[in-house]
Amino acid sequence: MPVAAFACPKCNRAFSVEDGTAELDVTCPSCSSELLAFFFSAFYRPEETGVAAAAVVDPSEASCFYHPQKQAARVCEGCGRLICSLCSVDMGSQHFCPACISAGRKKAKITTLETNRTRYDNIALGLAVASLFMSFFAVILSPAAIFIAVRYWKSPGGLQGRGRVRMVIAFCVALGSLVFWGGMLGIAFYGVSTGAHNHAHPR
């Protein structure tokens, strides 16, 4: 039984080979060109087929709301309609029809369907970085970044899984900014108070 059928890159003639090795030297039967064929592991993997819904045989059988010719296999937990295996969208132990999935994304009616995610790690990091360049607001931005980093430490981050790393960076940057600007403010206040004291008591 042929393993593969492909076309010669020089004369474009289709032919088949029966060897199942990963690397194979073949000769084109039309132009006699020496070719090297590579077969990847996915080539030998059996082709997966989609879910097939059973057809309605007896008129007394319940049918799918969207496919009347298919047998009902589930009850949609969103609208209560009978749906076939093809229409059933499984989310854990729950089953929904495509219409409810679409409505759930728009109206957030399905709690297990995440439609958006607040990235508290980005918020904390943004406030921390902003506090480095905004001296007058650092006293507000830095504590806010520290609060968000601690309060939402366990909140889900992005798909890359860097949420907690950003939280740690935000905490450290905000703390450093708070210490730096606090020290600068202390030095400035000390200089003003010293100058006023010297002015009040001239020698």
C-alpha atoms as a PDB file:
ATOM      1  CA  MET A   1       0.000   0.000   0.000  1.00  0.00           C
ATOM      2  CA  PRO A   2       1.514   3.382  -0.939  1.00  0.00           C
ATOM      3  CA  VAL A   3       2.821   5.444   1.928  1.00  0.00           C
ATOM      4  CA  ALA A   4       2.629   8.789   0.162  1.00  0.00           C
ATOM      5  CA  ALA A   5       1.808  10.356  -3.151  1.00  0.00           C
ATOM      6  CA  PHE A   6       3.566  13.547  -4.180  1.00  0.00           C
ATOM      7  CA  ALA A   7       4.717  15.413  -7.276  1.00  0.00           C
ATOM      8  CA  CYS A   8       8.240  15.680  -8.595  1.00  0.00           C
ATOM      9  CA  PRO A   9       9.478  19.267  -8.094  1.00  0.00           C
ATOM     10  CA  LYS A  10      11.176  19.211 -11.527  1.00  0.00           C
ATOM     11  CA  CYS A  11       8.669  17.641 -13.903  1.00  0.00           C
ATOM     12  CA  ASN A  12       5.591  17.918 -11.659  1.00  0.00           C
ATOM     13  CA  ARG A  13       4.626  14.288 -12.211  1.00  0.00           C
ATOM     14  CA  ALA A  14       2.768  12.609  -9.343  1.00  0.00           C
ATOM     15  CA  PHE A  15       3.961   9.219  -8.097  1.00  0.00           C
ATOM     16  CA  SER A  16       3.819   7.141  -4.941  1.00  0.00           C
ATOM     17  CA  VAL A  17       6.347   5.486  -2.642  1.00  0.00           C
ATOM     18  CA  GLU A  18       5.791   2.519  -0.350  1.00  0.00           C
ATOM     19  CA  ASP A  19       8.680   2.840   2.075  1.00  0.00           C
ATOM     20  CA  GLY A  20       7.738   4.159   5.530  1.00  0.00           C
ATOM     21  CA  THR A  21      11.163   5.309   6.710  1.00  0.00           C
ATOM     22  CA  ALA A  22      11.661   8.881   7.930  1.00  0.00           C
ATOM     23  CA  GLU A  23      14.181   9.665   5.154  1.00  0.00           C
ATOM     24  CA  LEU A  24      13.988   8.104   1.709  1.00  0.00           C
ATOM     25  CA  ASP A  25      15.933   8.391  -1.543  1.00  0.00           C
ATOM     26  CA  VAL A  26      13.573   8.113  -4.504  1.00  0.00           C
ATOM     27  CA  THR A  27      13.874   8.437  -8.268  1.00  0.00           C
ATOM     28  CA  CYS A  28      11.238  10.153 -10.340  1.00  0.00           C
ATOM     29  CA  PRO A  29       9.824   7.623 -12.853  1.00  0.00           C
ATOM     30  CA  SER A  30       9.317  10.377 -15.430  1.00  0.00           C
ATOM     31  CA  CYS A  31      12.494  12.496 -15.478  1.00  0.00           C
ATOM     32  CA  SER A  32      14.759  10.153 -13.436  1.00  0.00           C
ATOM     33  CA  SER A  33      15.613  12.939 -11.006  1.00  0.00           C
ATOM     34  CA  GLU A  34      17.145  11.842  -7.713  1.00  0.00           C
ATOM     35  CA  LEU A  35      14.949  13.085  -4.871  1.00  0.00           C
ATOM     36  CA  LEU A  36      15.167  12.975  -1.094  1.00  0.00           C
ATOM     37  CA  ALA A  37      11.857  12.664   0.746  1.00  0.00           C
ATOM     38  CA  PHE A  38      11.345  13.284   4.467  1.00  0.00           C
ATOM     39  CA  PHE A  39       8.397  11.856   6.404  1.00  0.00           C
ATOM     40  CA  PHE A  40       7.531  13.429   9.764  1.00  0.00           C
ATOM     41  CA  SER A  41       5.861  11.592  12.634  1.00  0.00           C
ATOM     42  CA  ALA A  42       2.593  13.442  12.070  1.00  0.00           C
ATOM     43  CA  PHE A  43       2.351  11.785   8.663  1.00  0.00           C
ATOM     44  CA  TYR A  44       1.874   8.362  10.273  1.00  0.00           C
ATOM     45  CA  ARG A  45      -0.646   9.639  12.807  1.00  0.00           C
ATOM     46  CA  PRO A  46      -4.171   8.427  12.030  1.00  0.00           C
ATOM     47  CA  GLU A  47      -6.457  11.140  10.804  1.00  0.00           C
ATOM     48  CA  GLU A  48      -8.772  12.427  13.511  1.00  0.00           C
ATOM     49  CA  THR A  49     -12.425  12.758  12.714  1.00  0.00           C
ATOM     50  CA  GLY A  50     -14.905  15.146  14.272  1.00  0.00           C
ATOM     51  CA  VAL A  51     -17.840  14.232  16.455  1.00  0.00           C
ATOM     52  CA  ALA A  52     -20.551  12.539  14.444  1.00  0.00           C
ATOM     53  CA  ALA A  53     -24.130  13.086  15.537  1.00  0.00           C
ATOM     54  CA  ALA A  54     -26.459  10.121  15.217  1.00  0.00           C
ATOM     55  CA  ALA A  55     -29.319  10.490  12.761  1.00  0.00           C
ATOM     56  CA  VAL A  56     -32.938  10.328  13.839  1.00  0.00           C
ATOM     57  CA  VAL A  57     -34.285   6.861  12.997  1.00  0.00           C
ATOM     58  CA  ASP A  58     -37.587   6.804  14.853  1.00  0.00           C
ATOM     59  CA  PRO A  59     -39.885   9.848  14.494  1.00  0.00           C
ATOM     60  CA  SER A  60     -40.633   9.605  18.198  1.00  0.00           C
ATOM     61  CA  GLU A  61     -36.984  10.312  19.088  1.00  0.00           C
ATOM     62  CA  ALA A  62     -36.022  13.779  20.285  1.00  0.00           C
ATOM     63  CA  SER A  63     -34.144  15.753  17.670  1.00  0.00           C
ATOM     64  CA  CYS A  64     -31.658  18.598  17.810  1.00  0.00           C
ATOM     65  CA  PHE A  65     -33.092  22.115  17.761  1.00  0.00           C
ATOM     66  CA  TYR A  66     -30.553  23.201  15.129  1.00  0.00           C
ATOM     67  CA  HIS A  67     -30.372  19.909  13.200  1.00  0.00           C
ATOM     68  CA  PRO A  68     -33.818  18.265  13.136  1.00  0.00           C
ATOM     69  CA  GLN A  69     -32.396  15.229  11.352  1.00  0.00           C
ATOM     70  CA  LYS A  70     -29.939  14.511  14.195  1.00  0.00           C
ATOM     71  CA  GLN A  71     -30.668  12.865  17.546  1.00  0.00           C
ATOM     72  CA  ALA A  72     -30.637  15.057  20.640  1.00  0.00           C
ATOM     73  CA  ALA A  73     -27.790  14.114  22.964  1.00  0.00           C
ATOM     74  CA  ARG A  74     -27.651  17.007  25.437  1.00  0.00           C
ATOM     75  CA  VAL A  75     -29.750  19.745  26.949  1.00  0.00           C
ATOM     76  CA  CYS A  76     -28.220  23.210  26.701  1.00  0.00           C
ATOM     77  CA  GLU A  77     -27.799  24.609  30.193  1.00  0.00           C
ATOM     78  CA  GLY A  78     -28.179  28.127  28.885  1.00  0.00           C
ATOM     79  CA  CYS A  79     -31.478  27.986  27.006  1.00  0.00           C
ATOM     80  CA  GLY A  80     -32.754  24.465  27.728  1.00  0.00           C
ATOM     81  CA  ARG A  81     -32.894  23.453  24.067  1.00  0.00           C
ATOM     82  CA  LEU A  82     -32.163  19.911  22.952  1.00  0.00           C
ATOM     83  CA  ILE A  83     -28.934  19.739  20.985  1.00  0.00           C
ATOM     84  CA  CYS A  84     -27.003  17.006  19.204  1.00  0.00           C
ATOM     85  CA  SER A  85     -23.410  15.995  19.835  1.00  0.00           C
ATOM     86  CA  LEU A  86     -22.258  18.246  17.023  1.00  0.00           C
ATOM     87  CA  CYS A  87     -23.825  21.356  18.586  1.00  0.00           C
ATOM     88  CA  SER A  88     -22.793  20.618  22.162  1.00  0.00           C
ATOM     89  CA  VAL A  89     -19.976  22.827  23.425  1.00  0.00           C
ATOM     90  CA  ASP A  90     -18.610  21.175  26.561  1.00  0.00           C
ATOM     91  CA  MET A  91     -17.209  23.410  29.286  1.00  0.00           C
ATOM     92  CA  GLY A  92     -16.228  21.126  32.120  1.00  0.00           C
ATOM     93  CA  SER A  93     -19.429  19.420  33.247  1.00  0.00           C
ATOM     94  CA  GLN A  94     -21.640  21.963  31.500  1.00  0.00           C
ATOM     95  CA  HIS A  95     -22.994  21.834  27.972  1.00  0.00           C
ATOM     96  CA  PHE A  96     -24.037  24.826  25.869  1.00  0.00           C
ATOM     97  CA  CYS A  97     -25.275  25.396  22.364  1.00  0.00           C
ATOM     98  CA  PRO A  98     -23.361  27.713  19.992  1.00  0.00           C
ATOM     99  CA  ALA A  99     -25.979  30.464  20.354  1.00  0.00           C
ATOM    100  CA  CYS A 100     -25.600  30.556  24.143  1.00  0.00           C
ATOM    101  CA  ILE A 101     -21.814  30.590  23.841  1.00  0.00           C
ATOM    102  CA  SER A 102     -22.071  33.586  21.508  1.00  0.00           C
ATOM    103  CA  ALA A 103     -24.516  35.355  23.827  1.00  0.00           C
ATOM    104  CA  GLY A 104     -22.410  34.492  26.863  1.00  0.00           C
ATOM    105  CA  ARG A 105     -19.358  36.153  25.347  1.00  0.00           C
ATOM    106  CA  LYS A 106     -21.270  39.356  24.652  1.00  0.00           C
ATOM    107  CA  LYS A 107     -23.378  39.577  27.817  1.00  0.00           C
ATOM    108  CA  ALA A 108     -21.106  37.641  30.240  1.00  0.00           C
ATOM    109  CA  LYS A 109     -23.978  35.369  31.256  1.00  0.00           C
ATOM    110  CA  ILE A 110     -21.813  32.241  31.403  1.00  0.00           C
ATOM    111  CA  THR A 111     -19.554  32.574  34.422  1.00  0.00           C
ATOM    112  CA  THR A 112     -17.172  29.837  33.255  1.00  0.00           C
ATOM    113  CA  LEU A 113     -16.564  31.660  29.980  1.00  0.00           C
ATOM    114  CA  GLU A 114     -13.890  34.274  30.494  1.00  0.00           C
ATOM    115  CA  THR A 115     -14.564  37.226  28.211  1.00  0.00           C
ATOM    116  CA  ASN A 116     -11.964  39.624  29.598  1.00  0.00           C
ATOM    117  CA  ARG A 117      -9.282  39.802  32.241  1.00  0.00           C
ATOM    118  CA  THR A 118      -8.058  42.731  34.289  1.00  0.00           C
ATOM    119  CA  ARG A 119      -4.269  42.742  34.224  1.00  0.00           C
ATOM    120  CA  TYR A 120      -3.471  44.010  37.716  1.00  0.00           C
ATOM    121  CA  ASP A 121       0.200  43.221  37.165  1.00  0.00           C
ATOM    122  CA  ASN A 122       0.338  45.710  34.280  1.00  0.00           C
ATOM    123  CA  ILE A 123      -1.545  48.306  36.311  1.00  0.00           C
ATOM    124  CA  ALA A 124       0.819  47.962  39.269  1.00  0.00           C
ATOM    125  CA  LEU A 125       3.895  48.098  37.051  1.00  0.00           C
ATOM    126  CA  GLY A 126       2.582  51.120  35.167  1.00  0.00           C
ATOM    127  CA  LEU A 127       1.940  53.043  38.382  1.00  0.00           C
ATOM    128  CA  ALA A 128       5.363  52.087  39.730  1.00  0.00           C
ATOM    129  CA  VAL A 129       7.178  53.248  36.609  1.00  0.00           C
ATOM    130  CA  ALA A 130       5.145  56.455  36.480  1.00  0.00           C
ATOM    131  CA  SER A 131       6.113  57.221  40.075  1.00  0.00           C
ATOM    132  CA  LEU A 132       9.781  57.291  39.041  1.00  0.00           C
ATOM    133  CA  PHE A 133       9.222  60.292  36.769  1.00  0.00           C
ATOM    134  CA  MET A 134       6.446  62.124  38.607  1.00  0.00           C
ATOM    135  CA  SER A 135       7.987  63.331  41.831  1.00  0.00           C
ATOM    136  CA  PHE A 136       4.970  65.278  43.046  1.00  0.00           C
ATOM    137  CA  PHE A 137       2.634  62.301  42.591  1.00  0.00           C
ATOM    138  CA  ALA A 138       5.045  59.585  43.716  1.00  0.00           C
ATOM    139  CA  VAL A 139       3.632  59.765  47.232  1.00  0.00           C
ATOM    140  CA  ILE A 140       0.303  58.593  45.734  1.00  0.00           C
ATOM    141  CA  LEU A 141       1.402  56.403  42.829  1.00  0.00           C
ATOM    142  CA  SER A 142       3.973  54.339  44.748  1.00  0.00           C
ATOM    143  CA  PRO A 143       1.650  53.295  47.603  1.00  0.00           C
ATOM    144  CA  ALA A 144      -1.071  52.559  45.031  1.00  0.00           C
ATOM    145  CA  ALA A 145       1.275  50.272  43.086  1.00  0.00           C
ATOM    146  CA  ILE A 146       2.359  48.512  46.281  1.00  0.00           C
ATOM    147  CA  PHE A 147      -1.269  48.059  47.354  1.00  0.00           C
ATOM    148  CA  ILE A 148      -2.288  46.555  43.996  1.00  0.00           C
ATOM    149  CA  ALA A 149       0.736  44.238  43.923  1.00  0.00           C
ATOM    150  CA  VAL A 150      -0.099  42.882  47.395  1.00  0.00           C
ATOM    151  CA  ARG A 151      -3.897  42.914  47.112  1.00  0.00           C
ATOM    152  CA  TYR A 152      -4.072  41.188  43.726  1.00  0.00           C
ATOM    153  CA  TRP A 153      -1.036  38.936  44.103  1.00  0.00           C
ATOM    154  CA  LYS A 154      -3.097  35.808  43.364  1.00  0.00           C
ATOM    155  CA  SER A 155      -5.102  37.276  40.492  1.00  0.00           C
ATOM    156  CA  PRO A 156      -4.609  35.547  37.110  1.00  0.00           C
ATOM    157  CA  GLY A 157      -2.021  37.159  34.892  1.00  0.00           C
ATOM    158  CA  GLY A 158      -1.554  36.971  31.161  1.00  0.00           C
ATOM    159  CA  LEU A 159      -1.311  33.858  29.043  1.00  0.00           C
ATOM    160  CA  GLN A 160       2.497  34.071  29.151  1.00  0.00           C
ATOM    161  CA  GLY A 161       2.472  33.396  32.895  1.00  0.00           C
ATOM    162  CA  ARG A 162       4.530  36.461  33.864  1.00  0.00           C
ATOM    163  CA  GLY A 163       1.964  38.064  36.149  1.00  0.00           C
ATOM    164  CA  ARG A 164       3.711  37.452  39.458  1.00  0.00           C
ATOM    165  CA  VAL A 165       7.086  38.446  38.062  1.00  0.00           C
ATOM    166  CA  ARG A 166       5.599  41.789  37.071  1.00  0.00           C
ATOM    167  CA  MET A 167       4.028  42.112  40.504  1.00  0.00           C
ATOM    168  CA  VAL A 168       7.417  41.627  42.175  1.00  0.00           C
ATOM    169  CA  ILE A 169       9.058  44.138  39.836  1.00  0.00           C
ATOM    170  CA  ALA A 170       6.250  46.633  40.435  1.00  0.00           C
ATOM    171  CA  PHE A 171       6.550  46.238  44.215  1.00  0.00           C
ATOM    172  CA  CYS A 172      10.326  46.736  44.179  1.00  0.00           C
ATOM    173  CA  VAL A 173      10.204  49.704  41.785  1.00  0.00           C
ATOM    174  CA  ALA A 174       7.402  51.388  43.739  1.00  0.00           C
ATOM    175  CA  LEU A 175       9.188  50.860  47.039  1.00  0.00           C
ATOM    176  CA  GLY A 176      12.437  52.213  45.618  1.00  0.00           C
ATOM    177  CA  SER A 177      10.629  55.202  44.140  1.00  0.00           C
ATOM    178  CA  LEU A 178       8.921  55.914  47.435  1.00  0.00           C
ATOM    179  CA  VAL A 179      12.215  55.779  49.340  1.00  0.00           C
ATOM    180  CA  PHE A 180      14.016  57.896  46.744  1.00  0.00           C
ATOM    181  CA  TRP A 181      11.453  60.666  46.466  1.00  0.00           C
ATOM    182  CA  GLY A 182      10.798  60.545  50.190  1.00  0.00           C
ATOM    183  CA  GLY A 183      14.502  61.054  50.796  1.00  0.00           C
ATOM    184  CA  MET A 184      14.665  63.893  48.279  1.00  0.00           C
ATOM    185  CA  LEU A 185      11.677  65.541  49.920  1.00  0.00           C
ATOM    186  CA  GLY A 186      13.277  65.134  53.339  1.00  0.00           C
ATOM    187  CA  ILE A 187      16.534  66.678  52.128  1.00  0.00           C
ATOM    188  CA  ALA A 188      14.693  69.579  50.537  1.00  0.00           C
ATOM    189  CA  PHE A 189      12.611  70.149  53.661  1.00  0.00           C
ATOM    190  CA  TYR A 190      15.702  69.958  55.856  1.00  0.00           C
ATOM    191  CA  GLY A 191      17.516  72.479  53.635  1.00  0.00           C
ATOM    192  CA  VAL A 192      14.594  74.907  53.737  1.00  0.00           C
ATOM    193  CA  SER A 193      14.229  74.624  57.499  1.00  0.00           C
ATOM    194  CA  THR A 194      17.992  75.072  58.024  1.00  0.00           C
ATOM    195  CA  GLY A 195      18.041  78.135  55.773  1.00  0.00           C
ATOM    196  CA  ALA A 196      15.091  79.667  57.586  1.00  0.00           C
ATOM    197  CA  HIS A 197      16.766  79.015  60.956  1.00  0.00           C
ATOM    198  CA  ASN A 198      19.983  80.683  59.835  1.00  0.00           C
ATOM    199  CA  HIS A 199      18.030  83.620  58.447  1.00  0.00           C
ATOM    200  CA  ALA A 200      16.150  84.031  61.716  1.00  0.00           C
ATOM    201  CA  HIS A 201      19.398  84.007  63.753  1.00  0.00           C
ATOM    202  CA  PRO A 202      22.038  85.941  61.786  1.00  0.00           C
ATOM    203  CA  ARG A 203      25.513  86.030  63.175  1.00  0.00           C
END
